[in-house]
């Protein structure tokens, strides 16, 4: 059996302006770094046998804060959704774009120009995650951490997670995520994993942890 913890990177440049940051390679903000440092002090993060990251800077920088002694393995397929013509633009800047409101409303046949379709995004992640899980099981890795993006975590859990839930039911604040249990027979039969815990875990040795509940403490509200 293998455990995988999916963690979202810290708050990055452009997110505070509600920009659509997909493949745009931006760094963490100073506020984002401080939030991650606080999380590392206040909560228990897993001690993994393997560390994987999206190759974008915000994920590598997050890994450096949470796991300064580890060399992460960058996997291109773990990048965020590519927004095409909408990349690095704010909703206000796209207000007059003929496709923007249709796309925002979730029309299935509408994709930003030059962007990934939802099916392409899901296919990329399905292939990537399947290779990662198969490799971990083959190598008998007990626990791996994957530091990636909010949209990636949402899509992966909607495709592979038990209990089953839609993408937007897996919203994940910066620096947090979920721990999955991969049972080999279940994986081989149905390509499903059990989502059994939020990450990081509370520090039970800290008497004041209840005053700093993780999911209420983080002010940042943009999840893509």
Protein backbone atom coordinates (compact mmCIF):
# COMPACT_ATOMS: atom_id res chain seq x y z
CA UNK A 1 0.00 0.00 0.00
CA UNK A 2 1.20 3.50 -0.86
CA UNK A 3 0.21 6.92 0.44
CA UNK A 4 0.33 10.06 -1.72
CA UNK A 5 -0.09 13.56 -0.32
CA UNK A 6 -1.17 16.20 -2.84
CA UNK A 7 -0.25 19.74 -1.76
CA UNK A 8 -1.07 23.01 -3.45
CA UNK A 9 1.70 25.62 -3.85
CA UNK A 10 1.68 28.85 -1.88
CA UNK A 11 0.12 32.14 -2.90
CA UNK A 12 1.86 33.38 -6.04
CA UNK A 13 2.22 36.57 -8.03
CA UNK A 14 -0.95 37.45 -9.91
CA UNK A 15 -3.35 35.46 -7.72
CA UNK A 16 -4.16 38.42 -5.50
CA UNK A 17 -5.31 40.21 -8.69
CA UNK A 18 -7.44 37.18 -9.70
CA UNK A 19 -5.34 36.63 -12.82
CA UNK A 20 -5.67 33.33 -14.67
CA UNK A 21 -2.26 31.90 -13.84
CA UNK A 22 -1.77 28.58 -15.60
CA UNK A 23 1.55 27.95 -17.36
CA UNK A 24 2.73 31.49 -16.58
CA UNK A 25 5.87 30.89 -14.51
CA UNK A 26 5.56 33.23 -11.53
CA UNK A 27 7.12 33.08 -8.08
CA UNK A 28 5.54 32.99 -4.65
CA UNK A 29 4.67 36.33 -3.10
CA UNK A 30 6.25 37.35 0.19
CA UNK A 31 2.86 36.84 1.83
CA UNK A 32 2.73 33.38 0.29
CA UNK A 33 6.16 32.49 1.66
CA UNK A 34 5.19 33.70 5.13
CA UNK A 35 1.99 31.66 5.07
CA UNK A 36 3.91 28.52 4.13
CA UNK A 37 6.52 29.11 6.83
CA UNK A 38 3.72 29.51 9.38
CA UNK A 39 2.06 26.30 8.22
CA UNK A 40 5.37 24.45 8.49
CA UNK A 41 5.76 25.64 12.09
CA UNK A 42 2.20 24.97 13.19
CA UNK A 43 1.29 21.70 11.46
CA UNK A 44 2.73 18.26 10.82
CA UNK A 45 3.70 17.62 7.22
CA UNK A 46 4.45 14.08 6.05
CA UNK A 47 8.02 12.83 5.87
CA UNK A 48 8.00 11.39 2.33
CA UNK A 49 10.19 8.83 0.64
CA UNK A 50 9.77 10.66 -2.70
CA UNK A 51 8.94 14.25 -3.64
CA UNK A 52 7.41 15.28 -6.99
CA UNK A 53 6.65 18.80 -8.20
CA UNK A 54 5.25 20.66 -11.14
CA UNK A 55 8.25 22.29 -12.87
CA UNK A 56 6.80 25.78 -12.44
CA UNK A 57 8.66 28.02 -9.98
CA UNK A 58 5.84 28.41 -7.47
CA UNK A 59 5.82 24.66 -6.84
CA UNK A 60 9.61 24.30 -6.65
CA UNK A 61 9.73 27.22 -4.21
CA UNK A 62 7.00 25.66 -2.08
CA UNK A 63 8.96 22.40 -1.99
CA UNK A 64 12.03 24.33 -0.86
CA UNK A 65 10.10 25.72 2.12
CA UNK A 66 8.36 22.50 3.17
CA UNK A 67 11.21 20.10 2.32
CA UNK A 68 14.50 22.04 2.24
CA UNK A 69 16.60 18.89 2.48
CA UNK A 70 15.03 17.01 -0.43
CA UNK A 71 15.66 17.14 -4.17
CA UNK A 72 12.25 17.12 -5.90
CA UNK A 73 11.55 15.34 -9.16
CA UNK A 74 9.88 17.74 -11.64
CA UNK A 75 7.17 16.25 -13.86
CA UNK A 76 5.98 18.35 -16.79
CA UNK A 77 2.56 16.71 -16.82
CA UNK A 78 1.79 18.18 -13.38
CA UNK A 79 1.58 21.74 -14.72
CA UNK A 80 -1.59 23.76 -14.20
CA UNK A 81 -4.26 24.11 -16.88
CA UNK A 82 -3.10 26.23 -19.83
CA UNK A 83 -5.46 29.20 -20.29
CA UNK A 84 -4.25 30.12 -23.78
CA UNK A 85 -5.27 33.66 -24.72
CA UNK A 86 -6.64 34.18 -21.21
CA UNK A 87 -3.26 33.48 -19.55
CA UNK A 88 -2.16 36.07 -16.99
CA UNK A 89 -5.20 38.26 -17.63
CA UNK A 90 -7.75 39.47 -15.10
CA UNK A 91 -11.51 39.01 -15.48
CA UNK A 92 -11.80 42.77 -15.95
CA UNK A 93 -9.38 42.66 -18.89
CA UNK A 94 -11.44 39.89 -20.50
CA UNK A 95 -14.83 41.48 -19.91
CA UNK A 96 -15.34 42.32 -23.59
CA UNK A 97 -13.92 39.09 -25.00
CA UNK A 98 -16.67 37.33 -27.00
CA UNK A 99 -15.98 33.93 -25.38
CA UNK A 100 -15.20 34.94 -21.83
CA UNK A 101 -18.66 34.90 -20.27
CA UNK A 102 -19.65 31.70 -22.07
CA UNK A 103 -16.48 30.02 -20.79
CA UNK A 104 -17.01 31.40 -17.29
CA UNK A 105 -20.53 30.00 -17.31
CA UNK A 106 -19.09 26.55 -17.95
CA UNK A 107 -20.34 25.90 -21.48
CA UNK A 108 -18.72 22.60 -22.43
CA UNK A 109 -18.06 23.53 -26.05
CA UNK A 110 -16.27 26.80 -25.18
CA UNK A 111 -12.50 26.95 -24.64
CA UNK A 112 -10.26 30.04 -24.51
CA UNK A 113 -8.38 30.49 -27.82
CA UNK A 114 -5.19 28.39 -27.94
CA UNK A 115 -5.95 26.90 -24.50
CA UNK A 116 -6.21 23.27 -23.49
CA UNK A 117 -9.66 21.80 -23.71
CA UNK A 118 -10.95 20.25 -20.50
CA UNK A 119 -10.61 16.81 -22.10
CA UNK A 120 -6.98 17.51 -23.03
CA UNK A 121 -6.24 18.70 -19.50
CA UNK A 122 -7.88 15.63 -17.97
CA UNK A 123 -6.12 13.28 -20.39
CA UNK A 124 -2.72 14.81 -19.57
CA UNK A 125 -3.31 14.45 -15.85
CA UNK A 126 -4.75 10.94 -16.15
CA UNK A 127 -1.69 9.72 -18.01
CA UNK A 128 0.73 11.48 -15.66
CA UNK A 129 -0.90 10.34 -12.42
CA UNK A 130 -1.26 6.77 -13.65
CA UNK A 131 2.47 6.62 -14.44
CA UNK A 132 3.34 8.11 -11.04
CA UNK A 133 1.15 5.67 -9.10
CA UNK A 134 2.31 2.66 -11.09
CA UNK A 135 5.92 3.67 -10.49
CA UNK A 136 5.40 4.16 -6.75
CA UNK A 137 3.74 0.76 -6.39
CA UNK A 138 6.46 -0.94 -8.42
CA UNK A 139 9.18 0.68 -6.31
CA UNK A 140 7.24 -0.04 -3.09
CA UNK A 141 7.39 3.59 -2.00
CA UNK A 142 5.47 4.00 1.26
CA UNK A 143 4.70 7.72 1.05
CA UNK A 144 5.17 10.30 -1.69
CA UNK A 145 4.38 14.03 -1.72
CA UNK A 146 3.26 15.81 -4.89
CA UNK A 147 3.37 19.63 -4.87
CA UNK A 148 1.28 20.96 -7.70
CA UNK A 149 -1.58 23.36 -8.51
CA UNK A 150 -5.14 23.87 -7.34
CA UNK A 151 -6.70 22.98 -10.68
CA UNK A 152 -4.55 19.87 -10.94
CA UNK A 153 -5.57 18.63 -7.48
CA UNK A 154 -9.24 19.29 -8.21
CA UNK A 155 -9.12 17.42 -11.51
CA UNK A 156 -7.13 14.47 -10.15
CA UNK A 157 -9.47 13.91 -7.22
CA UNK A 158 -12.55 14.25 -9.42
CA UNK A 159 -11.13 11.52 -11.70
CA UNK A 160 -9.49 9.14 -9.22
CA UNK A 161 -10.76 9.96 -5.74
CA UNK A 162 -13.05 8.04 -3.42
CA UNK A 163 -15.45 9.32 -2.23
CA UNK A 164 -16.42 10.55 -5.66
CA UNK A 165 -17.07 14.29 -5.97
CA UNK A 166 -16.98 16.96 -8.66
CA UNK A 167 -13.92 19.13 -9.26
CA UNK A 168 -15.21 22.15 -7.36
CA UNK A 169 -15.88 20.06 -4.26
CA UNK A 170 -12.11 19.60 -3.93
CA UNK A 171 -11.19 23.28 -3.54
CA UNK A 172 -7.83 23.52 -1.78
CA UNK A 173 -6.32 26.53 0.04
CA UNK A 174 -2.68 27.39 -0.60
CA UNK A 175 -0.15 25.14 1.11
CA UNK A 176 -2.68 22.44 1.94
CA UNK A 177 -4.14 19.36 0.29
CA UNK A 178 -5.16 15.76 0.82
CA UNK A 179 -3.55 12.43 1.60
CA UNK A 180 -4.57 9.47 -0.54
CA UNK A 181 -4.32 5.75 0.14
CA UNK A 182 -3.50 3.56 -2.86
CA UNK A 183 -4.55 -0.05 -2.32
CA UNK A 184 -2.95 -2.10 -5.14
CA UNK A 185 -5.95 -4.34 -5.87
CA UNK A 186 -8.38 -1.42 -5.97
CA UNK A 187 -5.98 0.55 -8.18
CA UNK A 188 -5.49 -2.32 -10.63
CA UNK A 189 -9.23 -3.00 -10.91
CA UNK A 190 -10.71 0.47 -11.03
CA UNK A 191 -7.94 3.12 -11.00
CA UNK A 192 -9.31 4.62 -7.78
CA UNK A 193 -7.64 5.95 -4.62
CA UNK A 194 -9.09 6.64 -1.19
CA UNK A 195 -8.98 10.26 -0.01
CA UNK A 196 -8.74 9.71 3.74
CA UNK A 197 -7.22 12.83 5.31
CA UNK A 198 -6.59 16.53 4.85
CA UNK A 199 -2.99 17.65 4.85
CA UNK A 200 -1.09 18.85 6.74
CA UNK A 201 -2.23 17.29 10.01
CA UNK A 202 -2.79 19.29 13.17
CA UNK A 203 0.03 19.28 15.69
CA UNK A 204 -1.48 17.44 18.64
CA UNK A 205 1.50 18.45 20.81
CA UNK A 206 0.53 22.10 20.37
CA UNK A 207 -2.16 23.03 22.90
CA UNK A 208 -3.07 26.11 20.87
CA UNK A 209 -3.57 24.36 17.51
CA UNK A 210 -7.35 24.58 17.81
CA UNK A 211 -7.09 28.38 17.81
CA UNK A 212 -5.35 28.29 14.44
CA UNK A 213 -7.60 25.94 12.49
CA UNK A 214 -5.99 25.51 9.10
CA UNK A 215 -9.02 25.88 6.84
CA UNK A 216 -10.22 29.04 8.60
CA UNK A 217 -6.85 30.72 9.02
CA UNK A 218 -5.89 31.17 5.38
CA UNK A 219 -7.23 34.42 3.95
CA UNK A 220 -6.53 33.68 0.29
CA UNK A 221 -9.69 32.72 -1.61
CA UNK A 222 -8.61 32.25 -5.23
CA UNK A 223 -8.28 28.54 -5.96
CA UNK A 224 -6.96 28.33 -9.56
